[in-house]
Amino acid sequence: MNHAADRPTQTLRVQGLTKHYGSTPVFAGVDFAVQPGEFVAIVGDSGVGKSTLLNCLAGLDTWDSGHILHGSTDLGLLDETQRALWRRTHVGFVFQAFHVLPHLDVAHNVALPLVLLQRPDPERVAQMLAAVGLSDLGARLPAQLSGGQLQRVAIARALVHRPSLLLADEPTGNLDPGTAARTMDVLLAQTREHGAALVLVTHSDAAAARADRVLRLTAQGIA
């Protein structure tokens, strides 16, 4: 079922974003927009600040100047608590290192965003486990899963609350090519189904080739 119509469409806009670490510039003058349902890949040399940019888009990191707008929300005007609440509701984040909780079984890991929103929904969790091909593994602990299975758990968890913005940091970086391709299949299918805007940081040419647009980040901005 497509639930994209259940929420207003929200475009992500980045305007003149600049970030320094001390006196060292990371990137400057970054401008781009991502429409609902669009998949944008961000590539660039190591150390250019791709993960830092993604953390800024999630409100997990600060920036020196410029604006990040999600729909009518200006992240720069939110305090830490407001950013956390915005992130909890609107953002799904897929990390390269998975970041699943080792003491929770697969189903409870996937359910976590719904629990934090006080919207428990076992049926929705079951649907997501089925969507990523893990229906029979809900009771397993993360230590009992392969890397590819753990990444699918992370994708299911990122999408279970139907976020309008999905951010993925090298989601196939630790996977073999076959598993990486299947992981991208799942990520894209779920993103398209729910009309989320997807921003993916990657070094993988194969992953970037799946995007609607590829943006290259340099110290001077986005090309």
N, C-alpha and C. Protein backbone atom coordinates (compact mmCIF):
# COMPACT_ATOMS: atom_id res chain seq x y z
N MET A 1 0.86 -1.19 0.00
CA MET A 1 0.00 0.00 0.00
C MET A 1 0.89 1.24 0.00
N ASN A 2 0.51 2.22 -0.79
CA ASN A 2 1.30 3.44 -0.86
C ASN A 2 0.72 4.48 0.10
N HIS A 3 1.52 4.86 1.08
CA HIS A 3 1.05 5.81 2.09
C HIS A 3 1.62 7.20 1.85
N ALA A 4 2.20 7.44 0.67
CA ALA A 4 2.80 8.75 0.42
C ALA A 4 1.78 9.86 0.52
N ALA A 5 0.53 9.53 0.19
CA ALA A 5 -0.50 10.57 0.24
C ALA A 5 -0.93 10.90 1.66
N ASP A 6 -0.44 10.13 2.64
CA ASP A 6 -0.83 10.35 4.03
C ASP A 6 -0.17 11.59 4.63
N ARG A 7 0.83 12.16 3.94
CA ARG A 7 1.54 13.30 4.51
C ARG A 7 1.76 14.34 3.42
N PRO A 8 1.96 15.59 3.80
CA PRO A 8 2.23 16.61 2.78
C PRO A 8 3.58 16.36 2.12
N THR A 9 3.69 16.75 0.86
CA THR A 9 4.97 16.63 0.17
C THR A 9 5.90 17.71 0.71
N GLN A 10 7.15 17.31 0.94
CA GLN A 10 8.12 18.22 1.55
C GLN A 10 9.43 18.16 0.78
N THR A 11 9.80 19.27 0.19
CA THR A 11 11.05 19.35 -0.55
C THR A 11 12.18 19.73 0.40
N LEU A 12 13.33 19.09 0.22
CA LEU A 12 14.53 19.45 0.97
C LEU A 12 15.30 20.48 0.16
N ARG A 13 15.60 21.63 0.77
CA ARG A 13 16.35 22.69 0.09
C ARG A 13 17.58 23.05 0.92
N VAL A 14 18.72 23.07 0.28
CA VAL A 14 19.98 23.46 0.91
C VAL A 14 20.47 24.72 0.20
N GLN A 15 20.69 25.78 0.97
CA GLN A 15 20.99 27.08 0.38
C GLN A 15 22.26 27.67 1.00
N GLY A 16 23.31 27.78 0.20
CA GLY A 16 24.54 28.45 0.64
C GLY A 16 25.18 27.85 1.87
N LEU A 17 25.11 26.53 2.03
CA LEU A 17 25.58 25.89 3.26
C LEU A 17 27.11 25.88 3.32
N THR A 18 27.64 26.35 4.44
CA THR A 18 29.09 26.43 4.64
C THR A 18 29.44 25.84 6.01
N LYS A 19 30.52 25.07 6.03
CA LYS A 19 30.93 24.39 7.27
C LYS A 19 32.44 24.47 7.42
N HIS A 20 32.90 24.83 8.62
CA HIS A 20 34.32 24.83 8.96
C HIS A 20 34.56 23.96 10.19
N TYR A 21 35.74 23.39 10.27
CA TYR A 21 36.23 22.81 11.52
C TYR A 21 37.35 23.71 12.00
N GLY A 22 37.07 24.55 13.00
CA GLY A 22 38.03 25.57 13.38
C GLY A 22 38.18 26.56 12.24
N SER A 23 39.40 26.76 11.78
CA SER A 23 39.64 27.67 10.65
C SER A 23 39.71 26.91 9.32
N THR A 24 39.54 25.59 9.37
CA THR A 24 39.66 24.78 8.16
C THR A 24 38.30 24.64 7.49
N PRO A 25 38.15 25.11 6.25
CA PRO A 25 36.87 24.95 5.57
C PRO A 25 36.63 23.49 5.17
N VAL A 26 35.41 23.03 5.37
CA VAL A 26 35.03 21.68 4.93
C VAL A 26 34.36 21.77 3.57
N PHE A 27 33.32 22.59 3.48
CA PHE A 27 32.69 22.89 2.19
C PHE A 27 32.06 24.27 2.31
N ALA A 28 31.78 24.88 1.17
CA ALA A 28 31.23 26.24 1.17
C ALA A 28 30.23 26.40 0.04
N GLY A 29 29.19 27.19 0.31
CA GLY A 29 28.24 27.55 -0.73
C GLY A 29 27.50 26.39 -1.35
N VAL A 30 27.14 25.39 -0.55
CA VAL A 30 26.45 24.21 -1.09
C VAL A 30 24.98 24.54 -1.33
N ASP A 31 24.53 24.34 -2.57
CA ASP A 31 23.14 24.62 -2.95
C ASP A 31 22.59 23.43 -3.73
N PHE A 32 21.48 22.87 -3.27
CA PHE A 32 20.75 21.88 -4.06
C PHE A 32 19.39 21.65 -3.43
N ALA A 33 18.52 20.99 -4.18
CA ALA A 33 17.19 20.65 -3.66
C ALA A 33 16.88 19.21 -4.05
N VAL A 34 16.08 18.55 -3.21
CA VAL A 34 15.64 17.18 -3.48
C VAL A 34 14.13 17.14 -3.34
N GLN A 35 13.47 16.71 -4.39
CA GLN A 35 12.01 16.66 -4.40
C GLN A 35 11.52 15.37 -3.74
N PRO A 36 10.28 15.35 -3.24
CA PRO A 36 9.70 14.11 -2.72
C PRO A 36 9.74 13.02 -3.80
N GLY A 37 10.19 11.83 -3.42
CA GLY A 37 10.27 10.71 -4.35
C GLY A 37 11.52 10.69 -5.19
N GLU A 38 12.40 11.69 -5.04
CA GLU A 38 13.62 11.76 -5.85
C GLU A 38 14.79 11.12 -5.12
N PHE A 39 15.67 10.47 -5.88
CA PHE A 39 16.87 9.84 -5.35
C PHE A 39 18.08 10.60 -5.87
N VAL A 40 18.80 11.25 -4.95
CA VAL A 40 20.01 12.01 -5.29
C VAL A 40 21.20 11.36 -4.61
N ALA A 41 22.23 11.07 -5.39
CA ALA A 41 23.48 10.53 -4.85
C ALA A 41 24.51 11.65 -4.76
N ILE A 42 25.23 11.69 -3.65
CA ILE A 42 26.31 12.67 -3.47
C ILE A 42 27.63 11.91 -3.44
N VAL A 43 28.51 12.27 -4.36
CA VAL A 43 29.82 11.63 -4.46
C VAL A 43 30.89 12.70 -4.25
N GLY A 44 32.14 12.26 -4.14
CA GLY A 44 33.24 13.19 -3.95
C GLY A 44 34.43 12.48 -3.33
N ASP A 45 35.56 13.14 -3.35
CA ASP A 45 36.79 12.55 -2.81
C ASP A 45 36.66 12.31 -1.32
N SER A 46 37.43 11.37 -0.80
CA SER A 46 37.46 11.12 0.64
C SER A 46 37.90 12.39 1.37
N GLY A 47 37.24 12.67 2.49
CA GLY A 47 37.62 13.81 3.30
C GLY A 47 37.01 15.13 2.87
N VAL A 48 36.16 15.11 1.84
CA VAL A 48 35.59 16.37 1.35
C VAL A 48 34.37 16.80 2.17
N GLY A 49 33.88 15.91 3.04
CA GLY A 49 32.81 16.30 3.94
C GLY A 49 31.44 15.74 3.59
N LYS A 50 31.39 14.64 2.84
CA LYS A 50 30.10 14.08 2.43
C LYS A 50 29.28 13.61 3.63
N SER A 51 29.91 12.88 4.54
CA SER A 51 29.18 12.42 5.73
C SER A 51 28.81 13.59 6.63
N THR A 52 29.71 14.59 6.71
CA THR A 52 29.39 15.79 7.49
C THR A 52 28.17 16.49 6.92
N LEU A 53 28.11 16.60 5.59
CA LEU A 53 26.94 17.21 4.95
C LEU A 53 25.68 16.43 5.29
N LEU A 54 25.75 15.11 5.23
CA LEU A 54 24.58 14.28 5.54
C LEU A 54 24.15 14.49 6.99
N ASN A 55 25.11 14.59 7.89
CA ASN A 55 24.78 14.84 9.30
C ASN A 55 24.13 16.20 9.49
N CYS A 56 24.56 17.19 8.69
CA CYS A 56 23.90 18.50 8.74
C CYS A 56 22.46 18.39 8.25
N LEU A 57 22.24 17.63 7.18
CA LEU A 57 20.88 17.48 6.65
C LEU A 57 19.96 16.82 7.67
N ALA A 58 20.53 15.99 8.54
CA ALA A 58 19.75 15.32 9.58
C ALA A 58 19.64 16.15 10.85
N GLY A 59 20.28 17.32 10.88
CA GLY A 59 20.27 18.13 12.09
C GLY A 59 21.12 17.54 13.20
N LEU A 60 22.06 16.65 12.82
CA LEU A 60 22.95 16.03 13.81
C LEU A 60 24.24 16.83 13.98
N ASP A 61 24.52 17.69 13.02
CA ASP A 61 25.72 18.52 13.07
C ASP A 61 25.32 19.97 12.80
N THR A 62 26.17 20.88 13.17
CA THR A 62 25.89 22.30 12.96
C THR A 62 26.67 22.80 11.74
N TRP A 63 26.29 23.96 11.24
CA TRP A 63 26.98 24.58 10.12
C TRP A 63 27.17 26.06 10.43
N ASP A 64 28.03 26.72 9.65
CA ASP A 64 28.41 28.10 9.96
C ASP A 64 27.51 29.13 9.30
N SER A 65 27.05 28.84 8.09
CA SER A 65 26.15 29.76 7.41
C SER A 65 25.35 29.00 6.38
N GLY A 66 24.27 29.62 5.92
CA GLY A 66 23.38 28.98 4.96
C GLY A 66 22.16 28.41 5.64
N HIS A 67 21.31 27.77 4.85
CA HIS A 67 20.03 27.28 5.35
C HIS A 67 19.77 25.85 4.86
N ILE A 68 19.12 25.06 5.73
CA ILE A 68 18.56 23.77 5.36
C ILE A 68 17.08 23.83 5.67
N LEU A 69 16.27 23.69 4.63
CA LEU A 69 14.82 23.77 4.80
C LEU A 69 14.20 22.45 4.38
N HIS A 70 13.31 21.95 5.21
CA HIS A 70 12.53 20.74 4.88
C HIS A 70 11.07 21.15 4.88
N GLY A 71 10.50 21.27 3.68
CA GLY A 71 9.19 21.87 3.60
C GLY A 71 9.27 23.30 4.11
N SER A 72 8.45 23.65 5.07
CA SER A 72 8.46 25.00 5.64
C SER A 72 9.34 25.11 6.88
N THR A 73 10.01 24.02 7.26
CA THR A 73 10.83 24.00 8.47
C THR A 73 12.28 24.39 8.17
N ASP A 74 12.76 25.43 8.82
CA ASP A 74 14.16 25.87 8.72
C ASP A 74 14.90 25.24 9.89
N LEU A 75 15.76 24.24 9.59
CA LEU A 75 16.44 23.52 10.67
C LEU A 75 17.30 24.43 11.52
N GLY A 76 17.82 25.51 10.91
CA GLY A 76 18.68 26.42 11.65
C GLY A 76 17.97 27.18 12.74
N LEU A 77 16.65 27.22 12.69
CA LEU A 77 15.88 27.94 13.69
C LEU A 77 15.42 27.04 14.84
N LEU A 78 15.72 25.74 14.74
CA LEU A 78 15.29 24.80 15.77
C LEU A 78 16.38 24.61 16.82
N ASP A 79 15.98 24.46 18.08
CA ASP A 79 16.94 24.10 19.11
C ASP A 79 17.15 22.58 19.06
N GLU A 80 18.03 22.06 19.91
CA GLU A 80 18.39 20.64 19.85
C GLU A 80 17.17 19.74 20.07
N THR A 81 16.32 20.10 21.02
CA THR A 81 15.14 19.28 21.29
C THR A 81 14.18 19.29 20.11
N GLN A 82 13.99 20.47 19.52
CA GLN A 82 13.10 20.56 18.36
C GLN A 82 13.66 19.80 17.17
N ARG A 83 14.98 19.85 16.99
CA ARG A 83 15.59 19.08 15.90
C ARG A 83 15.40 17.59 16.13
N ALA A 84 15.56 17.14 17.36
CA ALA A 84 15.40 15.73 17.66
C ALA A 84 13.97 15.27 17.36
N LEU A 85 13.00 16.10 17.72
CA LEU A 85 11.60 15.75 17.45
C LEU A 85 11.32 15.76 15.95
N TRP A 86 11.87 16.74 15.24
CA TRP A 86 11.72 16.79 13.77
C TRP A 86 12.33 15.55 13.15
N ARG A 87 13.53 15.19 13.58
CA ARG A 87 14.24 14.03 13.03
C ARG A 87 13.46 12.74 13.30
N ARG A 88 12.95 12.62 14.51
CA ARG A 88 12.22 11.41 14.90
C ARG A 88 11.00 11.20 14.01
N THR A 89 10.35 12.28 13.63
CA THR A 89 9.13 12.21 12.83
C THR A 89 9.40 12.08 11.34
N HIS A 90 10.38 12.83 10.84
CA HIS A 90 10.50 13.02 9.39
C HIS A 90 11.68 12.31 8.74
N VAL A 91 12.65 11.84 9.50
CA VAL A 91 13.91 11.36 8.92
C VAL A 91 14.12 9.88 9.19
N GLY A 92 14.57 9.17 8.17
CA GLY A 92 15.11 7.83 8.32
C GLY A 92 16.58 7.88 7.95
N PHE A 93 17.46 7.29 8.78
CA PHE A 93 18.91 7.37 8.55
C PHE A 93 19.46 5.95 8.47
N VAL A 94 20.12 5.64 7.36
CA VAL A 94 20.77 4.34 7.19
C VAL A 94 22.28 4.55 7.26
N PHE A 95 22.92 3.94 8.24
CA PHE A 95 24.35 4.12 8.47
C PHE A 95 25.13 2.95 7.86
N GLN A 96 26.37 3.22 7.46
CA GLN A 96 27.24 2.16 6.95
C GLN A 96 27.48 1.09 8.01
N ALA A 97 27.59 1.50 9.26
CA ALA A 97 27.91 0.58 10.35
C ALA A 97 26.66 -0.04 10.98
N PHE A 98 25.51 0.13 10.33
CA PHE A 98 24.23 -0.48 10.72
C PHE A 98 23.61 0.16 11.97
N HIS A 99 24.37 0.21 13.09
CA HIS A 99 23.89 0.78 14.35
C HIS A 99 22.60 0.13 14.84
N VAL A 100 22.52 -1.18 14.68
CA VAL A 100 21.40 -1.89 15.32
C VAL A 100 21.78 -2.13 16.78
N LEU A 101 20.76 -2.28 17.63
CA LEU A 101 21.01 -2.48 19.06
C LEU A 101 21.18 -3.97 19.33
N PRO A 102 22.34 -4.39 19.84
CA PRO A 102 22.65 -5.82 19.92
C PRO A 102 21.76 -6.60 20.88
N HIS A 103 21.18 -5.93 21.89
CA HIS A 103 20.39 -6.65 22.90
C HIS A 103 18.93 -6.77 22.50
N LEU A 104 18.54 -6.15 21.38
CA LEU A 104 17.16 -6.25 20.90
C LEU A 104 17.10 -7.18 19.70
N ASP A 105 16.04 -7.99 19.61
CA ASP A 105 15.91 -8.84 18.43
C ASP A 105 15.56 -7.98 17.21
N VAL A 106 15.53 -8.63 16.07
CA VAL A 106 15.35 -7.91 14.80
C VAL A 106 14.04 -7.13 14.79
N ALA A 107 12.96 -7.75 15.20
CA ALA A 107 11.65 -7.09 15.18
C ALA A 107 11.63 -5.86 16.08
N HIS A 108 12.25 -5.97 17.26
CA HIS A 108 12.26 -4.83 18.18
C HIS A 108 13.18 -3.72 17.67
N ASN A 109 14.27 -4.08 16.98
CA ASN A 109 15.11 -3.06 16.36
C ASN A 109 14.33 -2.28 15.32
N VAL A 110 13.58 -2.99 14.48
CA VAL A 110 12.80 -2.34 13.43
C VAL A 110 11.70 -1.48 14.04
N ALA A 111 11.12 -1.93 15.13
CA ALA A 111 10.00 -1.23 15.76
C ALA A 111 10.41 0.04 16.49
N LEU A 112 11.69 0.23 16.73
CA LEU A 112 12.15 1.30 17.62
C LEU A 112 11.65 2.70 17.23
N PRO A 113 11.70 3.11 15.95
CA PRO A 113 11.19 4.45 15.63
C PRO A 113 9.71 4.63 15.98
N LEU A 114 8.91 3.59 15.79
CA LEU A 114 7.49 3.67 16.14
C LEU A 114 7.30 3.75 17.64
N VAL A 115 8.12 3.04 18.39
CA VAL A 115 8.05 3.10 19.86
C VAL A 115 8.39 4.51 20.34
N LEU A 116 9.43 5.12 19.75
CA LEU A 116 9.83 6.47 20.16
C LEU A 116 8.75 7.49 19.83
N LEU A 117 7.99 7.22 18.76
CA LEU A 117 6.89 8.11 18.39
C LEU A 117 5.59 7.77 19.13
N GLN A 118 5.68 6.76 20.01
CA GLN A 118 4.50 6.28 20.75
C GLN A 118 3.39 5.85 19.79
N ARG A 119 3.82 5.17 18.72
CA ARG A 119 2.89 4.65 17.72
C ARG A 119 3.19 3.18 17.45
N PRO A 120 3.18 2.33 18.47
CA PRO A 120 3.50 0.92 18.23
C PRO A 120 2.56 0.31 17.19
N ASP A 121 3.14 -0.47 16.28
CA ASP A 121 2.36 -1.02 15.18
C ASP A 121 3.00 -2.34 14.72
N PRO A 122 2.72 -3.44 15.43
CA PRO A 122 3.32 -4.73 15.07
C PRO A 122 3.05 -5.14 13.63
N GLU A 123 1.88 -4.78 13.11
CA GLU A 123 1.57 -5.15 11.73
C GLU A 123 2.49 -4.42 10.76
N ARG A 124 2.76 -3.15 11.03
CA ARG A 124 3.67 -2.38 10.19
C ARG A 124 5.09 -2.97 10.25
N VAL A 125 5.52 -3.36 11.44
CA VAL A 125 6.84 -3.98 11.59
C VAL A 125 6.91 -5.26 10.76
N ALA A 126 5.87 -6.07 10.83
CA ALA A 126 5.82 -7.31 10.06
C ALA A 126 5.86 -7.02 8.56
N GLN A 127 5.16 -5.97 8.13
CA GLN A 127 5.18 -5.59 6.71
C GLN A 127 6.58 -5.21 6.26
N MET A 128 7.29 -4.45 7.10
CA MET A 128 8.64 -4.03 6.73
C MET A 128 9.61 -5.21 6.72
N LEU A 129 9.48 -6.11 7.67
CA LEU A 129 10.34 -7.29 7.65
C LEU A 129 10.10 -8.11 6.39
N ALA A 130 8.85 -8.21 5.98
CA ALA A 130 8.54 -8.93 4.75
C ALA A 130 9.12 -8.21 3.54
N ALA A 131 9.03 -6.88 3.55
CA ALA A 131 9.50 -6.09 2.41
C ALA A 131 11.00 -6.25 2.19
N VAL A 132 11.75 -6.45 3.27
CA VAL A 132 13.21 -6.59 3.14
C VAL A 132 13.64 -8.06 3.19
N GLY A 133 12.68 -8.98 3.14
CA GLY A 133 12.99 -10.39 3.07
C GLY A 133 13.47 -11.02 4.36
N LEU A 134 12.99 -10.50 5.49
CA LEU A 134 13.44 -11.01 6.80
C LEU A 134 12.27 -11.49 7.66
N SER A 135 11.17 -11.89 7.03
CA SER A 135 9.98 -12.27 7.79
C SER A 135 10.23 -13.35 8.83
N ASP A 136 11.11 -14.28 8.50
CA ASP A 136 11.33 -15.41 9.40
C ASP A 136 12.47 -15.18 10.39
N LEU A 137 13.01 -13.96 10.43
CA LEU A 137 14.16 -13.69 11.30
C LEU A 137 13.87 -12.66 12.38
N GLY A 138 12.61 -12.33 12.59
CA GLY A 138 12.26 -11.28 13.55
C GLY A 138 12.70 -11.55 14.97
N ALA A 139 12.79 -12.82 15.35
CA ALA A 139 13.14 -13.16 16.73
C ALA A 139 14.64 -13.33 16.93
N ARG A 140 15.42 -13.21 15.88
CA ARG A 140 16.87 -13.37 16.00
C ARG A 140 17.53 -12.11 16.54
N LEU A 141 18.67 -12.30 17.20
CA LEU A 141 19.48 -11.17 17.64
C LEU A 141 20.44 -10.76 16.52
N PRO A 142 20.88 -9.51 16.50
CA PRO A 142 21.77 -9.05 15.44
C PRO A 142 23.02 -9.90 15.26
N ALA A 143 23.56 -10.43 16.35
CA ALA A 143 24.77 -11.24 16.26
C ALA A 143 24.57 -12.51 15.43
N GLN A 144 23.33 -12.88 15.20
CA GLN A 144 23.02 -14.09 14.44
C GLN A 144 22.79 -13.81 12.96
N LEU A 145 23.01 -12.57 12.54
CA LEU A 145 22.74 -12.19 11.16
C LEU A 145 24.02 -11.88 10.39
N SER A 146 23.94 -11.98 9.07
CA SER A 146 25.04 -11.58 8.19
C SER A 146 25.04 -10.06 8.01
N GLY A 147 26.12 -9.56 7.40
CA GLY A 147 26.19 -8.12 7.15
C GLY A 147 25.06 -7.63 6.25
N GLY A 148 24.76 -8.40 5.21
CA GLY A 148 23.67 -8.01 4.32
C GLY A 148 22.33 -8.01 5.02
N GLN A 149 22.12 -8.99 5.90
CA GLN A 149 20.86 -9.03 6.66
C GLN A 149 20.78 -7.85 7.62
N LEU A 150 21.90 -7.52 8.27
CA LEU A 150 21.90 -6.38 9.19
C LEU A 150 21.59 -5.07 8.45
N GLN A 151 22.11 -4.93 7.24
CA GLN A 151 21.83 -3.70 6.49
C GLN A 151 20.35 -3.64 6.13
N ARG A 152 19.74 -4.78 5.84
CA ARG A 152 18.30 -4.79 5.55
C ARG A 152 17.48 -4.47 6.80
N VAL A 153 17.95 -4.90 7.97
CA VAL A 153 17.30 -4.50 9.22
C VAL A 153 17.37 -2.98 9.36
N ALA A 154 18.54 -2.41 9.07
CA ALA A 154 18.72 -0.96 9.19
C ALA A 154 17.79 -0.21 8.23
N ILE A 155 17.61 -0.74 7.03
CA ILE A 155 16.71 -0.10 6.06
C ILE A 155 15.27 -0.19 6.53
N ALA A 156 14.87 -1.37 7.02
CA ALA A 156 13.50 -1.53 7.53
C ALA A 156 13.25 -0.58 8.69
N ARG A 157 14.22 -0.43 9.58
CA ARG A 157 14.06 0.46 10.73
C ARG A 157 13.97 1.92 10.26
N ALA A 158 14.76 2.29 9.26
CA ALA A 158 14.76 3.67 8.77
C ALA A 158 13.44 4.03 8.09
N LEU A 159 12.73 3.04 7.56
CA LEU A 159 11.52 3.30 6.78
C LEU A 159 10.22 2.97 7.49
N VAL A 160 10.30 2.32 8.66
CA VAL A 160 9.09 1.79 9.29
C VAL A 160 8.09 2.88 9.65
N HIS A 161 8.58 4.08 9.97
CA HIS A 161 7.67 5.17 10.36
C HIS A 161 7.31 6.07 9.18
N ARG A 162 7.62 5.60 7.97
CA ARG A 162 7.29 6.31 6.72
C ARG A 162 7.84 7.74 6.72
N PRO A 163 9.15 7.90 6.87
CA PRO A 163 9.72 9.25 6.87
C PRO A 163 9.64 9.87 5.49
N SER A 164 9.56 11.19 5.43
CA SER A 164 9.54 11.87 4.15
C SER A 164 10.95 12.16 3.63
N LEU A 165 11.96 11.98 4.48
CA LEU A 165 13.36 12.20 4.08
C LEU A 165 14.19 11.02 4.54
N LEU A 166 14.85 10.36 3.59
CA LEU A 166 15.71 9.22 3.91
C LEU A 166 17.14 9.59 3.57
N LEU A 167 18.04 9.44 4.55
CA LEU A 167 19.45 9.75 4.39
C LEU A 167 20.25 8.47 4.57
N ALA A 168 21.15 8.19 3.63
CA ALA A 168 21.91 6.93 3.68
C ALA A 168 23.39 7.23 3.48
N ASP A 169 24.21 6.79 4.43
CA ASP A 169 25.64 7.04 4.41
C ASP A 169 26.38 5.75 4.07
N GLU A 170 26.83 5.64 2.81
CA GLU A 170 27.56 4.45 2.35
C GLU A 170 26.85 3.15 2.76
N PRO A 171 25.56 2.99 2.43
CA PRO A 171 24.83 1.82 2.93
C PRO A 171 25.30 0.49 2.34
N THR A 172 26.08 0.54 1.26
CA THR A 172 26.59 -0.71 0.68
C THR A 172 28.10 -0.85 0.86
N GLY A 173 28.71 0.06 1.65
CA GLY A 173 30.16 0.10 1.76
C GLY A 173 30.79 -1.15 2.35
N ASN A 174 30.06 -1.87 3.22
CA ASN A 174 30.62 -3.05 3.87
C ASN A 174 30.13 -4.35 3.24
N LEU A 175 29.50 -4.28 2.07
CA LEU A 175 28.84 -5.45 1.49
C LEU A 175 29.52 -5.88 0.19
N ASP A 176 29.44 -7.18 -0.11
CA ASP A 176 29.95 -7.68 -1.38
C ASP A 176 29.04 -7.18 -2.50
N PRO A 177 29.52 -7.19 -3.76
CA PRO A 177 28.74 -6.58 -4.85
C PRO A 177 27.34 -7.13 -5.01
N GLY A 178 27.16 -8.44 -4.90
CA GLY A 178 25.83 -9.02 -5.06
C GLY A 178 24.88 -8.58 -3.96
N THR A 179 25.36 -8.62 -2.72
CA THR A 179 24.55 -8.19 -1.58
C THR A 179 24.28 -6.70 -1.67
N ALA A 180 25.28 -5.93 -2.12
CA ALA A 180 25.11 -4.49 -2.26
C ALA A 180 24.00 -4.17 -3.26
N ALA A 181 23.98 -4.88 -4.39
CA ALA A 181 22.95 -4.64 -5.40
C ALA A 181 21.56 -4.96 -4.86
N ARG A 182 21.45 -6.07 -4.13
CA ARG A 182 20.14 -6.45 -3.55
C ARG A 182 19.71 -5.43 -2.49
N THR A 183 20.68 -4.92 -1.72
CA THR A 183 20.37 -3.91 -0.71
C THR A 183 19.86 -2.64 -1.36
N MET A 184 20.49 -2.22 -2.45
CA MET A 184 20.02 -1.04 -3.18
C MET A 184 18.63 -1.27 -3.76
N ASP A 185 18.36 -2.49 -4.22
CA ASP A 185 17.02 -2.81 -4.73
C ASP A 185 15.97 -2.55 -3.65
N VAL A 186 16.24 -3.05 -2.45
CA VAL A 186 15.29 -2.89 -1.34
C VAL A 186 15.14 -1.42 -0.97
N LEU A 187 16.25 -0.73 -0.86
CA LEU A 187 16.23 0.68 -0.46
C LEU A 187 15.43 1.51 -1.47
N LEU A 188 15.68 1.28 -2.74
CA LEU A 188 14.98 2.06 -3.77
C LEU A 188 13.50 1.70 -3.84
N ALA A 189 13.19 0.42 -3.77
CA ALA A 189 11.79 0.01 -3.85
C ALA A 189 10.97 0.62 -2.73
N GLN A 190 11.52 0.60 -1.52
CA GLN A 190 10.80 1.14 -0.37
C GLN A 190 10.71 2.67 -0.44
N THR A 191 11.77 3.31 -0.91
CA THR A 191 11.75 4.77 -1.04
C THR A 191 10.69 5.20 -2.05
N ARG A 192 10.67 4.53 -3.21
CA ARG A 192 9.70 4.87 -4.26
C ARG A 192 8.28 4.64 -3.75
N GLU A 193 8.07 3.52 -3.05
CA GLU A 193 6.72 3.19 -2.60
C GLU A 193 6.16 4.25 -1.68
N HIS A 194 7.01 4.81 -0.81
CA HIS A 194 6.52 5.74 0.20
C HIS A 194 6.76 7.20 -0.17
N GLY A 195 7.28 7.45 -1.38
CA GLY A 195 7.43 8.82 -1.84
C GLY A 195 8.43 9.64 -1.06
N ALA A 196 9.42 8.97 -0.45
CA ALA A 196 10.42 9.69 0.33
C ALA A 196 11.48 10.31 -0.58
N ALA A 197 12.05 11.41 -0.16
CA ALA A 197 13.24 11.95 -0.81
C ALA A 197 14.45 11.20 -0.25
N LEU A 198 15.29 10.67 -1.13
CA LEU A 198 16.45 9.88 -0.71
C LEU A 198 17.73 10.61 -1.09
N VAL A 199 18.59 10.85 -0.09
CA VAL A 199 19.92 11.40 -0.32
C VAL A 199 20.92 10.36 0.14
N LEU A 200 21.75 9.90 -0.79
CA LEU A 200 22.69 8.82 -0.51
C LEU A 200 24.11 9.30 -0.76
N VAL A 201 24.97 9.15 0.23
CA VAL A 201 26.40 9.43 0.10
C VAL A 201 27.09 8.12 -0.23
N THR A 202 27.90 8.11 -1.29
CA THR A 202 28.51 6.85 -1.67
C THR A 202 29.81 7.06 -2.43
N HIS A 203 30.71 6.06 -2.34
CA HIS A 203 31.88 5.96 -3.21
C HIS A 203 31.62 4.95 -4.32
N SER A 204 30.47 4.29 -4.27
CA SER A 204 30.17 3.21 -5.20
C SER A 204 29.59 3.74 -6.51
N ASP A 205 30.28 3.48 -7.61
CA ASP A 205 29.76 3.89 -8.92
C ASP A 205 28.45 3.17 -9.22
N ALA A 206 28.36 1.90 -8.80
CA ALA A 206 27.15 1.13 -9.07
C ALA A 206 25.95 1.72 -8.33
N ALA A 207 26.15 2.13 -7.08
CA ALA A 207 25.05 2.73 -6.32
C ALA A 207 24.67 4.09 -6.90
N ALA A 208 25.67 4.91 -7.24
CA ALA A 208 25.39 6.24 -7.78
C ALA A 208 24.66 6.14 -9.12
N ALA A 209 24.95 5.09 -9.88
CA ALA A 209 24.32 4.94 -11.19
C ALA A 209 22.82 4.72 -11.10
N ARG A 210 22.34 4.32 -9.94
CA ARG A 210 20.90 4.09 -9.74
C ARG A 210 20.13 5.38 -9.47
N ALA A 211 20.86 6.48 -9.20
CA ALA A 211 20.23 7.72 -8.75
C ALA A 211 19.58 8.47 -9.91
N ASP A 212 18.59 9.29 -9.56
CA ASP A 212 18.00 10.21 -10.54
C ASP A 212 18.99 11.30 -10.91
N ARG A 213 19.77 11.75 -9.93
CA ARG A 213 20.81 12.76 -10.16
C ARG A 213 22.01 12.42 -9.31
N VAL A 214 23.19 12.75 -9.81
CA VAL A 214 24.43 12.59 -9.06
C VAL A 214 25.06 13.97 -8.87
N LEU A 215 25.32 14.35 -7.62
CA LEU A 215 25.95 15.63 -7.30
C LEU A 215 27.34 15.35 -6.75
N ARG A 216 28.31 16.13 -7.19
CA ARG A 216 29.69 15.97 -6.69
C ARG A 216 30.00 17.09 -5.71
N LEU A 217 30.38 16.69 -4.49
CA LEU A 217 30.72 17.67 -3.46
C LEU A 217 32.22 17.94 -3.50
N THR A 218 32.57 19.23 -3.55
CA THR A 218 33.96 19.67 -3.43
C THR A 218 34.03 20.73 -2.34
N ALA A 219 35.22 21.16 -2.03
CA ALA A 219 35.38 22.21 -1.02
C ALA A 219 34.70 23.50 -1.45
N GLN A 220 34.50 23.64 -2.78
CA GLN A 220 33.87 24.86 -3.29
C GLN A 220 32.36 24.75 -3.43
N GLY A 221 31.80 23.59 -3.10
CA GLY A 221 30.35 23.45 -3.17
C GLY A 221 29.94 22.21 -3.95
N ILE A 222 28.76 22.27 -4.52
CA ILE A 222 28.17 21.14 -5.26
C ILE A 222 28.27 21.40 -6.75
N ALA A 223 28.68 20.36 -7.49
CA ALA A 223 28.72 20.47 -8.96
C ALA A 223 27.77 19.44 -9.56
